[in-house]
Protein backbone atom coordinates (compact mmCIF):
# COMPACT_ATOMS: atom_id res chain seq x y z
CA MET A 1 -22.12 -39.39 16.48
CA LYS A 2 -19.08 -40.51 14.64
CA ARG A 3 -18.37 -36.85 13.81
CA VAL A 4 -18.49 -35.86 17.42
CA TRP A 5 -15.95 -38.43 18.45
CA GLU A 6 -13.72 -37.34 15.54
CA PHE A 7 -13.90 -33.81 16.71
CA LEU A 8 -12.95 -34.82 20.28
CA GLY A 9 -10.13 -36.79 18.92
CA TYR A 10 -8.83 -33.76 16.98
CA LEU A 11 -9.33 -31.58 20.08
CA ALA A 12 -7.45 -34.18 22.35
CA VAL A 13 -4.54 -34.10 19.91
CA VAL A 14 -4.42 -30.27 19.97
CA ALA A 15 -4.86 -30.15 23.74
CA THR A 16 -2.04 -32.73 24.27
CA LEU A 17 0.22 -30.71 21.95
CA LEU A 18 -0.54 -27.70 24.29
CA GLY A 19 0.14 -29.73 27.30
CA VAL A 20 -3.52 -30.51 28.42
CA SER A 21 -4.46 -34.21 28.93
CA PHE A 22 -7.63 -35.62 27.31
CA THR A 23 -8.54 -36.98 30.75
CA THR A 24 -8.44 -33.34 32.28
CA LEU A 25 -10.30 -32.23 29.17
CA LEU A 26 -13.10 -34.41 30.13
CA ASN A 27 -13.02 -34.55 33.92
CA GLU A 28 -11.97 -31.05 34.67
CA PRO A 29 -13.16 -28.97 31.71
CA GLN A 30 -12.88 -25.53 33.45
CA LYS A 31 -9.21 -26.06 34.41
CA ALA A 32 -8.44 -27.57 30.87
CA TRP A 33 -9.99 -24.69 29.02
CA THR A 34 -8.23 -22.26 31.24
CA ALA A 35 -4.85 -23.87 30.63
CA LEU A 36 -5.74 -23.78 26.83
CA ALA A 37 -6.57 -20.19 26.96
CA LEU A 38 -3.39 -19.23 28.65
CA VAL A 39 -1.26 -21.24 26.15
CA ALA A 40 -3.15 -19.67 23.32
CA LEU A 41 -2.61 -16.18 24.66
CA THR A 42 1.03 -16.87 25.02
CA ILE A 43 1.25 -18.01 21.45
CA ILE A 44 -0.74 -14.89 20.28
CA PHE A 45 1.63 -12.73 22.39
CA ILE A 46 4.68 -14.49 20.93
CA CYS A 47 3.50 -14.08 17.32
CA PHE A 48 2.51 -10.32 17.89
CA GLN A 49 6.03 -9.71 19.19
CA VAL A 50 7.59 -11.43 16.14
CA TYR A 51 5.32 -9.37 13.88
CA ARG A 52 6.41 -6.06 15.72
CA LEU A 53 10.03 -7.11 15.33
CA VAL A 54 9.81 -7.80 11.54
CA ASN A 55 7.78 -4.59 11.02
CA SER A 56 10.50 -2.59 12.95
CA GLN A 57 13.27 -4.21 10.77
CA LEU A 58 11.43 -3.40 7.55
CA LYS A 59 10.81 0.29 8.56
CA ASN A 60 14.43 0.60 9.27
CA GLN A 61 15.34 -0.59 5.87
CA HIS A 62 12.45 0.86 3.88
CA PRO A 63 10.96 3.89 5.86
CA SER A 64 8.25 4.52 3.29
CA GLY A 65 7.24 0.94 3.15
CA PHE A 66 7.91 0.65 -0.68
CA LEU A 67 10.82 0.05 -2.81
CA PRO A 68 10.66 2.20 -5.96
CA LEU A 69 11.35 0.34 -9.32
CA SER A 70 10.51 2.85 -12.05
CA CYS A 71 8.54 6.12 -12.53
CA PHE A 72 7.13 7.78 -15.59
CA MET A 73 5.94 11.40 -15.65
CA ARG A 74 3.94 12.98 -18.38
CA TYR A 75 3.05 16.62 -18.73
CA VAL A 76 0.79 17.69 -21.73
CA THR A 77 -0.97 20.86 -22.75
CA SER A 78 -2.66 21.82 -26.16
CA ASP A 79 -3.28 25.46 -25.28
CA GLY A 80 -1.03 26.28 -22.40
CA SER A 81 -3.86 26.94 -19.91
CA ASN A 82 -5.20 23.32 -19.45
CA ILE A 83 -2.55 20.78 -18.30
CA VAL A 84 -2.74 17.12 -17.83
CA TYR A 85 -0.06 15.79 -15.56
CA GLU A 86 0.13 12.00 -15.18
CA VAL A 87 2.38 9.73 -13.31
CA PHE A 88 2.93 6.00 -13.34
CA ARG A 89 5.03 4.53 -10.51
CA HIS A 90 6.14 0.88 -10.35
CA LEU A 91 6.60 -0.08 -6.68
CA GLN A 92 7.36 -3.28 -4.62
CA ILE A 93 5.69 -3.52 -1.14
CA LYS A 94 8.24 -3.48 1.71
CA SER A 95 5.96 -3.67 4.65
CA SER A 96 4.05 -6.74 6.16
CA CYS A 97 0.66 -5.53 4.74
CA THR A 98 -0.78 -2.19 3.44
CA GLY A 99 -3.96 -0.99 1.72
CA HIS A 100 -2.81 2.29 0.21
CA PHE A 101 0.03 4.51 -1.00
CA THR A 102 0.44 8.06 -0.13
CA HIS A 103 1.52 10.30 -3.12
CA GLN A 104 3.33 13.57 -2.24
CA PHE A 105 3.20 16.41 -4.55
CA HIS A 106 3.57 20.18 -4.97
CA TRP A 107 1.45 21.99 -7.62
CA SER A 108 2.69 25.58 -8.04
CA GLY A 109 -0.46 26.87 -9.70
CA SER A 110 -3.15 28.90 -7.97
CA LYS A 111 -6.16 26.73 -8.69
CA SER A 112 -6.68 23.28 -6.98
CA PRO A 113 -6.07 20.25 -9.18
CA ARG A 114 -8.66 17.64 -10.09
CA ILE A 115 -7.22 14.23 -9.35
CA GLU A 116 -8.35 10.77 -10.56
CA SER A 117 -6.65 7.38 -11.11
CA ASP A 118 -7.51 4.50 -13.38
CA ILE A 119 -6.20 1.92 -10.94
CA GLN A 120 -6.50 3.14 -7.34
CA GLU A 121 -9.30 4.72 -5.39
CA VAL A 122 -8.54 8.39 -4.83
CA GLY A 123 -8.71 9.95 -1.40
CA LYS A 124 -8.76 13.69 -0.24
CA ILE A 125 -5.88 15.98 -0.62
CA PHE A 126 -4.22 16.77 2.81
CA THR A 127 -1.33 18.68 4.10
CA THR A 128 1.17 18.39 7.10
CA PRO A 129 0.99 21.45 9.43
CA GLY A 130 3.68 23.83 8.50
CA GLU A 131 4.41 22.29 5.22
CA THR A 132 3.54 23.43 1.67
CA THR A 133 3.82 19.99 0.20
CA ASN A 134 0.41 18.19 -0.54
CA PHE A 135 -0.32 14.44 0.05
CA ILE A 136 -3.16 12.26 -1.39
CA LYS A 137 -3.99 8.71 -0.49
CA LEU A 138 -4.44 6.07 -3.24
CA LYS A 139 -6.23 3.10 -2.02
CA PHE A 140 -5.50 -0.31 -3.42
CA LYS A 141 -8.42 -2.52 -4.74
CA LYS A 142 -7.12 -5.28 -2.37
CA ALA A 143 -4.47 -5.33 0.56
CA LYS A 144 -0.84 -5.85 -0.44
CA ILE A 145 1.68 -7.87 1.50
CA TYR A 146 5.39 -7.94 1.53
CA ASN A 147 7.06 -8.21 -1.81
CA ASP A 148 3.92 -7.63 -3.80
CA VAL A 149 4.32 -5.30 -6.82
CA GLU A 150 1.83 -2.60 -7.62
CA VAL A 151 1.50 0.08 -10.39
CA ILE A 152 0.38 3.36 -9.07
CA HIS A 153 -1.39 5.77 -11.37
CA LEU A 154 -2.34 9.39 -10.77
CA LYS A 155 -3.85 11.92 -13.23
CA MET A 156 -4.14 15.54 -12.44
CA ASN A 157 -6.35 17.88 -14.60
CA LEU A 158 -4.80 21.41 -13.95
CA ASP A 159 -6.21 24.82 -14.78
CA ASP A 160 -3.25 27.19 -15.27
CA SER A 161 -5.28 29.95 -17.17
CA ASP A 162 -3.58 32.55 -15.16
CA LYS A 163 0.03 31.38 -16.05
CA LYS A 164 0.96 31.03 -12.28
CA SER A 165 2.61 27.66 -12.22
CA GLY A 166 6.18 26.80 -12.70
CA THR A 167 7.14 25.12 -15.88
CA PHE A 168 9.11 22.06 -14.35
CA LEU A 169 8.72 18.49 -13.42
CA GLU A 170 10.46 17.12 -10.38
CA GLN A 171 11.02 13.95 -8.60
CA ASN A 172 12.52 13.27 -5.29
CA VAL A 173 14.86 10.15 -5.06
CA HIS A 174 14.92 8.85 -1.58
CA ALA A 175 16.06 5.25 -2.39
CA PRO A 176 17.66 3.46 -5.37
CA ILE A 177 15.41 3.22 -8.47
CA THR A 178 16.04 1.72 -11.82
CA PHE A 179 14.45 4.28 -14.25
CA ILE A 180 12.80 7.76 -14.20
CA ALA A 181 11.27 9.12 -17.41
CA PHE A 182 10.20 12.77 -18.07
CA LYS A 183 7.91 13.54 -20.98
CA VAL A 184 6.65 17.09 -21.69
CA GLU A 185 4.38 17.79 -24.47
CA LEU A 186 3.70 21.37 -25.51
CA LEU A 187 1.27 20.85 -28.36
CA HIS A 188 0.62 24.61 -28.66
CA ALA A 189 4.27 25.66 -29.27
CA GLN A 190 4.66 27.92 -32.37
CA ALA A 191 7.67 27.88 -34.82
CA SER A 192 9.42 30.67 -32.76
CA TYR A 193 9.82 28.04 -29.92
CA PHE A 194 11.72 25.57 -32.15
CA GLY A 195 15.44 25.24 -30.81
CA LYS A 196 14.59 25.60 -27.31
CA GLN A 197 16.04 23.27 -24.86
CA ALA A 198 15.05 21.87 -21.40
CA THR A 199 17.54 21.68 -18.48
CA LEU A 200 17.79 18.60 -16.23
CA SER A 201 19.28 19.43 -12.79
CA ARG A 202 19.47 18.08 -9.24
CA LYS A 203 19.74 19.35 -5.69
CA ASP A 204 20.67 17.79 -2.51
CA MET A 205 17.49 17.15 -0.45
CA LYS A 206 19.23 17.27 2.89
CA LYS A 207 20.41 20.77 2.33
CA GLY A 208 17.00 22.08 1.33
CA ASP A 209 16.88 25.63 0.02
CA ARG A 210 20.56 26.12 0.74
CA ALA A 211 21.47 23.36 -1.79
CA ALA A 212 23.31 24.30 -4.87
CA ILE A 213 21.65 23.45 -8.18
CA GLU A 214 23.84 21.13 -10.32
CA GLU A 215 23.18 20.99 -13.92
CA ILE A 216 23.32 17.55 -15.41
CA ASP A 217 22.39 17.92 -19.04
CA LYS A 218 20.21 19.67 -21.62
CA TYR A 219 17.59 18.14 -24.04
CA PRO A 220 16.48 19.75 -27.39
CA PHE A 221 12.90 20.40 -28.18
CA ASP A 222 11.47 17.86 -30.71
CA VAL A 223 9.69 19.77 -33.33
CA ASN A 224 7.87 16.68 -34.78
CA SER A 225 6.20 15.59 -31.49
CA LYS A 226 6.48 19.10 -29.87
CA SER A 227 7.92 17.57 -26.80
CA PHE A 228 10.90 17.23 -24.53
CA SER A 229 12.01 13.73 -23.38
CA CYS A 230 14.36 12.79 -20.67
CA ASN A 231 15.19 9.39 -19.28
CA LEU A 232 17.33 8.82 -16.18
CA THR A 233 18.85 5.37 -15.37
CA ASP A 234 19.90 4.63 -11.77
CA PRO A 235 19.93 8.16 -10.42
CA GLU A 236 21.75 8.74 -7.37
CA PRO A 237 19.52 8.79 -4.19
CA GLY A 238 19.29 11.79 -1.94
CA TYR A 239 18.63 14.34 -4.56
CA ALA A 240 15.62 16.06 -6.04
CA TYR A 241 15.87 15.72 -10.02
CA ARG A 242 14.22 18.44 -11.92
CA LEU A 243 13.43 19.16 -15.67
CA ASP A 244 12.91 22.98 -16.39
CA TRP A 245 11.67 24.45 -19.81
CA ASP A 246 10.59 27.86 -20.95
CA ARG A 247 6.90 28.66 -21.24
CA PRO A 248 6.09 28.94 -24.96
């Protein structure tokens, strides 16, 4: 009985705060509950509008819903036909709540990639009508909220036995990012390939196919590790950065 009266006491306090007297709650319950419901609905409506406003502001500042911090891309092949492409992306969540990250990619080979992840659950590949770019959703193990940090991992097993793919790595930079690393391991390269260089360039994404290609730097082939390595610090947003090399 004591607990019942305690409950009624708490309910009376809440009701009073919402403008409903304890006497009304006991003597005119229907009227009291209607008033409580209206006040509760008003509060829910106000909270929803605040939520919408906050989300709108976040979308204006961060259209993708994420703030990129760093990115590491690795391309490795031991025979020139079977390729493993791996990407790690360090992101900060800039939306109120999200459960996935949509990865955008363009595989220039003729055979569909097999995709997996050590961290996220991999969805199905899909495309946007009229576009050649592919997308895939990577589902988080638990929902992320504003300012959470997540590491995105994606691994593609690629069959390029017909040598149809382009030999390059490319990263679009839409927003400021601290660091991008390219790593290309050509483990099957013979001695005749030593002395080759990879070219880093960029082009303005807004201009699309009309954009001029700006060469940034060249990187020598490391004969010991049989690889090209390229690190970019604070690259300028608005450009697609690309590392090209000759097929061994």
